[in-house]
Amino acid sequence: MYESLVGGVACILVPLFTKYSGYEIPRKPFEWIGISGVFFVLGFLLALRFEVGWLDAITCVCSIISYIIGWVGLIIGSIWGAICVVFGIKSQAKS
């Protein structure tokens, strides 16, 4: 369970690391990965159990949905970023 928290924080830090490394592909793929990290952390926080039965059921369902959205965003961002790297798509930075 804590692996998702560490993975979420790592995904959140991806846009920051790419910015400081000077990597020049469009920012959108890395934004998808960063947002998916937010959903992983949200899923981790919602997976914490409550004593109230109905609240536990709602947070369990929301946690699963959050993880699914996180994985979809991570897959989309990773494939999009890989395509940009393979085909050499550069960002259109304004000077």
C-alpha atoms as a PDB file:
ATOM      1  CA  MET A   1       0.000   0.000   0.000  1.00  0.00           C
ATOM      2  CA  TYR A   2       2.857   2.388   0.726  1.00  0.00           C
ATOM      3  CA  GLU A   3       4.312   1.610  -2.689  1.00  0.00           C
ATOM      4  CA  SER A   4       1.473   3.567  -4.265  1.00  0.00           C
ATOM      5  CA  LEU A   5       2.321   6.566  -2.082  1.00  0.00           C
ATOM      6  CA  VAL A   6       5.990   6.462  -3.105  1.00  0.00           C
ATOM      7  CA  GLY A   7       5.022   5.934  -6.747  1.00  0.00           C
ATOM      8  CA  GLY A   8       2.567   8.815  -6.587  1.00  0.00           C
ATOM      9  CA  VAL A   9       5.168  11.173  -5.168  1.00  0.00           C
ATOM     10  CA  ALA A  10       7.633  10.042  -7.840  1.00  0.00           C
ATOM     11  CA  CYS A  11       5.050  10.721 -10.556  1.00  0.00           C
ATOM     12  CA  ILE A  12       4.349  14.162  -9.098  1.00  0.00           C
ATOM     13  CA  LEU A  13       8.076  14.990  -9.248  1.00  0.00           C
ATOM     14  CA  VAL A  14       8.516  13.924 -12.908  1.00  0.00           C
ATOM     15  CA  PRO A  15       7.615  17.361 -14.405  1.00  0.00           C
ATOM     16  CA  LEU A  16      10.017  19.056 -11.991  1.00  0.00           C
ATOM     17  CA  PHE A  17      12.891  16.719 -12.860  1.00  0.00           C
ATOM     18  CA  THR A  18      12.349  17.079 -16.602  1.00  0.00           C
ATOM     19  CA  LYS A  19      12.255  20.864 -16.292  1.00  0.00           C
ATOM     20  CA  TYR A  20      15.572  20.988 -14.452  1.00  0.00           C
ATOM     21  CA  SER A  21      17.207  18.462 -16.758  1.00  0.00           C
ATOM     22  CA  GLY A  22      16.513  20.691 -19.762  1.00  0.00           C
ATOM     23  CA  TYR A  23      14.665  18.017 -21.689  1.00  0.00           C
ATOM     24  CA  GLU A  24      12.824  19.644 -24.564  1.00  0.00           C
ATOM     25  CA  ILE A  25       9.695  17.762 -25.528  1.00  0.00           C
ATOM     26  CA  PRO A  26       6.169  19.099 -25.106  1.00  0.00           C
ATOM     27  CA  ARG A  27       5.108  19.468 -21.480  1.00  0.00           C
ATOM     28  CA  LYS A  28       1.783  17.694 -21.923  1.00  0.00           C
ATOM     29  CA  PRO A  29       3.037  14.094 -21.482  1.00  0.00           C
ATOM     30  CA  PHE A  30       4.790  15.000 -18.260  1.00  0.00           C
ATOM     31  CA  GLU A  31       1.723  16.865 -17.019  1.00  0.00           C
ATOM     32  CA  TRP A  32      -0.318  13.678 -17.531  1.00  0.00           C
ATOM     33  CA  ILE A  33       2.197  11.748 -15.441  1.00  0.00           C
ATOM     34  CA  GLY A  34       2.198  14.402 -12.716  1.00  0.00           C
ATOM     35  CA  ILE A  35      -1.591  14.462 -12.501  1.00  0.00           C
ATOM     36  CA  SER A  36      -1.683  10.672 -12.339  1.00  0.00           C
ATOM     37  CA  GLY A  37       0.638  10.920  -9.329  1.00  0.00           C
ATOM     38  CA  VAL A  38      -1.941  13.117  -7.626  1.00  0.00           C
ATOM     39  CA  PHE A  39      -4.550  10.429  -8.228  1.00  0.00           C
ATOM     40  CA  PHE A  40      -2.232   7.745  -6.794  1.00  0.00           C
ATOM     41  CA  VAL A  41      -1.742   9.776  -3.613  1.00  0.00           C
ATOM     42  CA  LEU A  42      -5.498  10.414  -3.448  1.00  0.00           C
ATOM     43  CA  GLY A  43      -6.141   6.690  -3.839  1.00  0.00           C
ATOM     44  CA  PHE A  44      -3.700   5.956  -1.025  1.00  0.00           C
ATOM     45  CA  LEU A  45      -5.393   8.450   1.267  1.00  0.00           C
ATOM     46  CA  LEU A  46      -8.854   7.130   0.454  1.00  0.00           C
ATOM     47  CA  ALA A  47      -7.697   3.560   1.133  1.00  0.00           C
ATOM     48  CA  LEU A  48      -7.303   4.393   4.828  1.00  0.00           C
ATOM     49  CA  ARG A  49     -10.122   2.642   6.646  1.00  0.00           C
ATOM     50  CA  PHE A  50     -12.883   4.271   8.668  1.00  0.00           C
ATOM     51  CA  GLU A  51     -14.993   2.723  11.416  1.00  0.00           C
ATOM     52  CA  VAL A  52     -18.299   3.819   9.865  1.00  0.00           C
ATOM     53  CA  GLY A  53     -19.579   1.147   7.473  1.00  0.00           C
ATOM     54  CA  TRP A  54     -21.127   3.313   4.789  1.00  0.00           C
ATOM     55  CA  LEU A  55     -18.189   5.747   4.773  1.00  0.00           C
ATOM     56  CA  ASP A  56     -15.760   2.848   4.434  1.00  0.00           C
ATOM     57  CA  ALA A  57     -17.695   1.525   1.423  1.00  0.00           C
ATOM     58  CA  ILE A  58     -17.729   4.921  -0.293  1.00  0.00           C
ATOM     59  CA  THR A  59     -14.005   5.567   0.245  1.00  0.00           C
ATOM     60  CA  CYS A  60     -13.141   2.051  -0.959  1.00  0.00           C
ATOM     61  CA  VAL A  61     -14.989   2.632  -4.238  1.00  0.00           C
ATOM     62  CA  CYS A  62     -13.471   6.109  -4.642  1.00  0.00           C
ATOM     63  CA  SER A  63     -10.001   4.684  -3.971  1.00  0.00           C
ATOM     64  CA  ILE A  64     -10.398   2.093  -6.714  1.00  0.00           C
ATOM     65  CA  ILE A  65     -11.659   4.721  -9.159  1.00  0.00           C
ATOM     66  CA  SER A  66      -8.738   7.004  -8.257  1.00  0.00           C
ATOM     67  CA  TYR A  67      -6.211   4.229  -8.885  1.00  0.00           C
ATOM     68  CA  ILE A  68      -7.801   3.427 -12.249  1.00  0.00           C
ATOM     69  CA  ILE A  69      -7.672   7.092 -13.319  1.00  0.00           C
ATOM     70  CA  GLY A  70      -4.058   7.273 -12.119  1.00  0.00           C
ATOM     71  CA  TRP A  71      -3.003   4.236 -14.133  1.00  0.00           C
ATOM     72  CA  VAL A  72      -4.776   5.470 -17.260  1.00  0.00           C
ATOM     73  CA  GLY A  73      -3.067   8.862 -16.972  1.00  0.00           C
ATOM     74  CA  LEU A  74       0.307   7.233 -16.366  1.00  0.00           C
ATOM     75  CA  ILE A  75      -0.047   4.955 -19.389  1.00  0.00           C
ATOM     76  CA  ILE A  76      -1.177   7.801 -21.662  1.00  0.00           C
ATOM     77  CA  GLY A  77       1.628  10.108 -20.508  1.00  0.00           C
ATOM     78  CA  SER A  78       4.285   7.411 -20.801  1.00  0.00           C
ATOM     79  CA  ILE A  79       3.289   6.336 -24.305  1.00  0.00           C
ATOM     80  CA  TRP A  80       2.925   9.949 -25.463  1.00  0.00           C
ATOM     81  CA  GLY A  81       6.328  10.863 -24.017  1.00  0.00           C
ATOM     82  CA  ALA A  82       7.957   7.814 -25.599  1.00  0.00           C
ATOM     83  CA  ILE A  83       6.513   8.722 -28.996  1.00  0.00           C
ATOM     84  CA  CYS A  84       7.878  12.264 -28.622  1.00  0.00           C
ATOM     85  CA  VAL A  85      11.330  10.901 -27.777  1.00  0.00           C
ATOM     86  CA  VAL A  86      11.417   8.308 -30.563  1.00  0.00           C
ATOM     87  CA  PHE A  87      10.256  10.685 -33.283  1.00  0.00           C
ATOM     88  CA  GLY A  88      12.230  13.659 -31.966  1.00  0.00           C
ATOM     89  CA  ILE A  89       9.283  15.997 -31.414  1.00  0.00           C
ATOM     90  CA  LYS A  90      10.597  19.216 -29.857  1.00  0.00           C
ATOM     91  CA  SER A  91       8.618  21.690 -27.807  1.00  0.00           C
ATOM     92  CA  GLN A  92       7.516  24.985 -29.276  1.00  0.00           C
ATOM     93  CA  ALA A  93       9.094  27.136 -26.563  1.00  0.00           C
ATOM     94  CA  LYS A  94       8.447  30.860 -26.906  1.00  0.00           C
ATOM     95  CA  SER A  95      11.493  33.046 -26.464  1.00  0.00           C
END
